[in-house]
Amino acid sequence: MRVVFEREAEQEMIGAAPYYESQGAGRGSDFLDEVEAAINAIEVNPFRYGYYNRSVRSIRLARFPYWLLFVAEEDRIVIIAVMHLHRRPGCWKRRLN
C-alpha cells in the first residue's frame, strides 16, 4: 500500500527532527529513522495495529514519545498525525473531515 502524509502530519514530523538534533548530534536522524521504521511496519500489515479511536489506528515510536496516527484506506495509508504523547493530544481530530 502507498503511504501518504497529511500536510500537517508531515510538518509535525519535520518540525520535531531539528528539536531532537539540538538535543544531541544524530538524534534528529534517529527520530526520522524511527518514523520510517514505523511506516515500514504499517505497510506490512496496517490492520495489525489497534484503534486509537473509532476510525484511526496508531503505532508508537520505539524510542521517542510519539504516535503515528493513520487511516488504512482501500488503496493507501494516510498518516494524519505525528503526535507527541504529552502535547495537544486531540488536535488531530479536525483532520478527519
N, C-alpha and C. Protein backbone atom coordinates (compact mmCIF):
# COMPACT_ATOMS: atom_id res chain seq x y z
N MET A 1 0.83 -1.19 0.00
CA MET A 1 0.00 0.00 0.00
C MET A 1 0.87 1.25 0.00
N ARG A 2 0.37 2.24 -0.62
CA ARG A 2 1.05 3.53 -0.69
C ARG A 2 0.77 4.32 0.58
N VAL A 3 1.81 4.95 1.12
CA VAL A 3 1.68 5.77 2.33
C VAL A 3 1.77 7.23 1.93
N VAL A 4 0.81 8.02 2.41
CA VAL A 4 0.82 9.46 2.18
C VAL A 4 0.64 10.16 3.52
N PHE A 5 1.20 11.35 3.62
CA PHE A 5 1.10 12.17 4.82
C PHE A 5 0.13 13.31 4.57
N GLU A 6 -0.75 13.55 5.52
CA GLU A 6 -1.48 14.81 5.54
C GLU A 6 -0.44 15.91 5.73
N ARG A 7 -0.69 17.07 5.17
CA ARG A 7 0.27 18.16 5.24
C ARG A 7 0.69 18.46 6.67
N GLU A 8 -0.26 18.54 7.59
CA GLU A 8 0.06 18.88 8.98
C GLU A 8 0.88 17.78 9.66
N ALA A 9 0.61 16.54 9.32
CA ALA A 9 1.38 15.44 9.89
C ALA A 9 2.83 15.50 9.42
N GLU A 10 3.02 15.80 8.15
CA GLU A 10 4.37 15.94 7.63
C GLU A 10 5.11 17.09 8.31
N GLN A 11 4.40 18.19 8.54
CA GLN A 11 5.01 19.33 9.23
C GLN A 11 5.38 18.98 10.67
N GLU A 12 4.55 18.18 11.33
CA GLU A 12 4.86 17.74 12.70
C GLU A 12 6.15 16.92 12.72
N MET A 13 6.27 16.01 11.76
CA MET A 13 7.45 15.16 11.67
C MET A 13 8.70 16.00 11.39
N ILE A 14 8.61 16.86 10.40
CA ILE A 14 9.76 17.68 10.01
C ILE A 14 10.12 18.66 11.13
N GLY A 15 9.14 19.17 11.84
CA GLY A 15 9.39 20.10 12.92
C GLY A 15 10.05 19.47 14.13
N ALA A 16 9.81 18.20 14.37
CA ALA A 16 10.38 17.53 15.54
C ALA A 16 11.86 17.19 15.34
N ALA A 17 12.26 16.92 14.13
CA ALA A 17 13.64 16.49 13.87
C ALA A 17 14.69 17.51 14.33
N PRO A 18 14.56 18.81 14.02
CA PRO A 18 15.56 19.78 14.49
C PRO A 18 15.63 19.87 16.02
N TYR A 19 14.47 19.73 16.66
CA TYR A 19 14.49 19.76 18.13
C TYR A 19 15.36 18.62 18.66
N TYR A 20 15.13 17.42 18.15
CA TYR A 20 15.93 16.29 18.64
C TYR A 20 17.39 16.42 18.25
N GLU A 21 17.66 16.99 17.10
CA GLU A 21 19.05 17.21 16.69
C GLU A 21 19.73 18.17 17.67
N SER A 22 18.99 19.14 18.18
CA SER A 22 19.56 20.08 19.14
C SER A 22 19.84 19.41 20.49
N GLN A 23 19.24 18.25 20.71
CA GLN A 23 19.46 17.51 21.95
C GLN A 23 20.69 16.61 21.87
N GLY A 24 21.23 16.46 20.68
CA GLY A 24 22.44 15.66 20.51
C GLY A 24 22.63 15.31 19.05
N ALA A 25 23.87 15.31 18.63
CA ALA A 25 24.18 15.03 17.23
C ALA A 25 23.61 13.67 16.83
N GLY A 26 22.89 13.66 15.74
CA GLY A 26 22.32 12.42 15.22
C GLY A 26 20.94 12.08 15.75
N ARG A 27 20.47 12.77 16.78
CA ARG A 27 19.15 12.45 17.35
C ARG A 27 18.02 12.79 16.38
N GLY A 28 18.19 13.85 15.59
CA GLY A 28 17.17 14.18 14.60
C GLY A 28 17.04 13.09 13.56
N SER A 29 18.17 12.57 13.11
CA SER A 29 18.16 11.46 12.15
C SER A 29 17.58 10.20 12.78
N ASP A 30 17.89 9.98 14.06
CA ASP A 30 17.33 8.83 14.77
C ASP A 30 15.81 8.92 14.81
N PHE A 31 15.29 10.12 15.06
CA PHE A 31 13.84 10.32 15.09
C PHE A 31 13.24 9.97 13.73
N LEU A 32 13.81 10.52 12.66
CA LEU A 32 13.28 10.24 11.32
C LEU A 32 13.40 8.76 10.97
N ASP A 33 14.46 8.11 11.41
CA ASP A 33 14.61 6.67 11.19
C ASP A 33 13.51 5.89 11.90
N GLU A 34 13.15 6.33 13.11
CA GLU A 34 12.06 5.68 13.86
C GLU A 34 10.73 5.84 13.14
N VAL A 35 10.49 7.03 12.59
CA VAL A 35 9.26 7.25 11.82
C VAL A 35 9.25 6.32 10.61
N GLU A 36 10.36 6.23 9.92
CA GLU A 36 10.45 5.35 8.75
C GLU A 36 10.22 3.89 9.13
N ALA A 37 10.79 3.44 10.25
CA ALA A 37 10.59 2.07 10.70
C ALA A 37 9.12 1.81 11.00
N ALA A 38 8.45 2.77 11.61
CA ALA A 38 7.02 2.61 11.91
C ALA A 38 6.21 2.54 10.62
N ILE A 39 6.56 3.38 9.66
CA ILE A 39 5.85 3.35 8.37
C ILE A 39 6.06 2.00 7.68
N ASN A 40 7.28 1.50 7.71
CA ASN A 40 7.55 0.19 7.11
C ASN A 40 6.71 -0.90 7.77
N ALA A 41 6.58 -0.84 9.09
CA ALA A 41 5.77 -1.83 9.80
C ALA A 41 4.30 -1.70 9.42
N ILE A 42 3.82 -0.48 9.29
CA ILE A 42 2.42 -0.26 8.89
C ILE A 42 2.18 -0.82 7.49
N GLU A 43 3.12 -0.60 6.58
CA GLU A 43 2.97 -1.07 5.20
C GLU A 43 2.82 -2.59 5.14
N VAL A 44 3.52 -3.30 6.01
CA VAL A 44 3.45 -4.76 6.01
C VAL A 44 2.05 -5.23 6.37
N ASN A 45 1.46 -4.66 7.41
CA ASN A 45 0.11 -5.05 7.81
C ASN A 45 -0.53 -3.94 8.64
N PRO A 46 -1.21 -3.01 7.99
CA PRO A 46 -1.79 -1.88 8.73
C PRO A 46 -2.89 -2.31 9.70
N PHE A 47 -3.50 -3.45 9.46
CA PHE A 47 -4.62 -3.89 10.30
C PHE A 47 -4.16 -4.59 11.57
N ARG A 48 -2.87 -4.72 11.71
CA ARG A 48 -2.28 -5.30 12.92
C ARG A 48 -2.39 -4.33 14.10
N TYR A 49 -2.46 -3.06 13.82
CA TYR A 49 -2.40 -2.03 14.85
C TYR A 49 -3.78 -1.63 15.32
N GLY A 50 -3.89 -1.44 16.61
CA GLY A 50 -5.17 -1.15 17.23
C GLY A 50 -5.68 0.23 16.90
N TYR A 51 -6.94 0.42 17.23
CA TYR A 51 -7.58 1.70 17.01
C TYR A 51 -7.25 2.67 18.14
N TYR A 52 -6.90 3.87 17.75
CA TYR A 52 -6.71 4.96 18.71
C TYR A 52 -8.08 5.53 19.06
N ASN A 53 -8.93 5.60 18.05
CA ASN A 53 -10.35 5.89 18.24
C ASN A 53 -11.11 5.09 17.20
N ARG A 54 -12.34 5.44 16.91
CA ARG A 54 -13.18 4.60 16.05
C ARG A 54 -12.62 4.30 14.67
N SER A 55 -11.95 5.25 14.05
CA SER A 55 -11.50 5.04 12.67
C SER A 55 -10.00 5.22 12.48
N VAL A 56 -9.30 5.61 13.51
CA VAL A 56 -7.88 5.93 13.40
C VAL A 56 -7.06 4.89 14.16
N ARG A 57 -6.09 4.33 13.47
CA ARG A 57 -5.18 3.36 14.08
C ARG A 57 -3.90 4.08 14.51
N SER A 58 -3.12 3.40 15.35
CA SER A 58 -1.91 4.05 15.85
C SER A 58 -0.78 3.05 16.03
N ILE A 59 0.42 3.60 15.94
CA ILE A 59 1.64 2.86 16.26
C ILE A 59 2.54 3.83 17.02
N ARG A 60 3.13 3.33 18.09
CA ARG A 60 4.01 4.17 18.90
C ARG A 60 5.45 4.01 18.42
N LEU A 61 6.16 5.12 18.33
CA LEU A 61 7.59 5.04 18.01
C LEU A 61 8.32 4.39 19.18
N ALA A 62 9.33 3.61 18.87
CA ALA A 62 10.02 2.83 19.90
C ALA A 62 10.82 3.70 20.87
N ARG A 63 11.53 4.70 20.37
CA ARG A 63 12.46 5.44 21.22
C ARG A 63 12.10 6.90 21.45
N PHE A 64 10.97 7.31 20.97
CA PHE A 64 10.56 8.71 21.09
C PHE A 64 9.10 8.76 21.55
N PRO A 65 8.69 9.80 22.26
CA PRO A 65 7.32 9.86 22.79
C PRO A 65 6.31 10.35 21.75
N TYR A 66 6.18 9.59 20.68
CA TYR A 66 5.29 9.95 19.58
C TYR A 66 4.47 8.75 19.14
N TRP A 67 3.28 9.04 18.69
CA TRP A 67 2.42 8.09 17.99
C TRP A 67 2.31 8.54 16.54
N LEU A 68 2.26 7.59 15.63
CA LEU A 68 1.81 7.87 14.26
C LEU A 68 0.35 7.45 14.24
N LEU A 69 -0.51 8.36 13.90
CA LEU A 69 -1.93 8.06 13.76
C LEU A 69 -2.24 7.97 12.28
N PHE A 70 -2.95 6.91 11.89
CA PHE A 70 -3.17 6.69 10.47
C PHE A 70 -4.53 6.06 10.22
N VAL A 71 -4.97 6.22 8.97
CA VAL A 71 -6.18 5.60 8.49
C VAL A 71 -5.78 4.69 7.34
N ALA A 72 -6.20 3.44 7.43
CA ALA A 72 -5.94 2.48 6.36
C ALA A 72 -7.13 2.48 5.41
N GLU A 73 -6.92 3.01 4.23
CA GLU A 73 -7.96 3.04 3.22
C GLU A 73 -7.76 1.86 2.28
N GLU A 74 -8.62 1.73 1.31
CA GLU A 74 -8.56 0.60 0.40
C GLU A 74 -7.24 0.51 -0.37
N ASP A 75 -6.75 1.66 -0.83
CA ASP A 75 -5.56 1.66 -1.69
C ASP A 75 -4.38 2.44 -1.13
N ARG A 76 -4.53 2.98 0.09
CA ARG A 76 -3.44 3.76 0.65
C ARG A 76 -3.57 3.85 2.16
N ILE A 77 -2.48 4.26 2.78
CA ILE A 77 -2.43 4.52 4.21
C ILE A 77 -2.18 6.01 4.36
N VAL A 78 -3.03 6.68 5.12
CA VAL A 78 -2.91 8.12 5.30
C VAL A 78 -2.44 8.38 6.73
N ILE A 79 -1.25 8.97 6.85
CA ILE A 79 -0.74 9.38 8.16
C ILE A 79 -1.39 10.73 8.45
N ILE A 80 -2.22 10.76 9.50
CA ILE A 80 -2.92 12.01 9.78
C ILE A 80 -2.27 12.81 10.90
N ALA A 81 -1.39 12.18 11.69
CA ALA A 81 -0.71 12.92 12.75
C ALA A 81 0.57 12.21 13.16
N VAL A 82 1.56 13.01 13.47
CA VAL A 82 2.77 12.55 14.15
C VAL A 82 2.68 13.25 15.50
N MET A 83 2.05 12.55 16.45
CA MET A 83 1.57 13.19 17.67
C MET A 83 2.48 12.92 18.86
N HIS A 84 2.94 14.00 19.47
CA HIS A 84 3.70 13.89 20.72
C HIS A 84 2.74 13.43 21.80
N LEU A 85 3.19 12.53 22.65
CA LEU A 85 2.31 11.95 23.66
C LEU A 85 1.84 12.94 24.72
N HIS A 86 2.56 14.04 24.91
CA HIS A 86 2.25 14.94 26.01
C HIS A 86 1.82 16.34 25.56
N ARG A 87 1.59 16.52 24.28
CA ARG A 87 1.20 17.84 23.77
C ARG A 87 -0.07 17.75 22.95
N ARG A 88 -1.03 18.54 23.25
CA ARG A 88 -2.27 18.67 22.48
C ARG A 88 -2.75 17.35 21.87
N PRO A 89 -3.11 16.37 22.69
CA PRO A 89 -3.43 15.05 22.16
C PRO A 89 -4.63 14.99 21.22
N GLY A 90 -5.56 15.91 21.28
CA GLY A 90 -6.72 15.85 20.41
C GLY A 90 -6.69 16.76 19.20
N CYS A 91 -5.56 17.43 18.98
CA CYS A 91 -5.51 18.44 17.92
C CYS A 91 -5.73 17.85 16.52
N TRP A 92 -5.48 16.60 16.33
CA TRP A 92 -5.58 15.97 15.01
C TRP A 92 -7.01 15.66 14.60
N LYS A 93 -7.95 15.64 15.54
CA LYS A 93 -9.31 15.17 15.23
C LYS A 93 -9.99 15.96 14.13
N ARG A 94 -9.72 17.25 14.03
CA ARG A 94 -10.35 18.05 12.97
C ARG A 94 -9.85 17.64 11.58
N ARG A 95 -8.75 16.90 11.52
CA ARG A 95 -8.19 16.48 10.22
C ARG A 95 -8.97 15.35 9.59
N LEU A 96 -9.86 14.74 10.31
CA LEU A 96 -10.61 13.60 9.78
C LEU A 96 -11.68 14.00 8.76
N ASN A 97 -12.04 15.23 8.71
CA ASN A 97 -13.11 15.65 7.79
C ASN A 97 -12.63 15.79 6.38
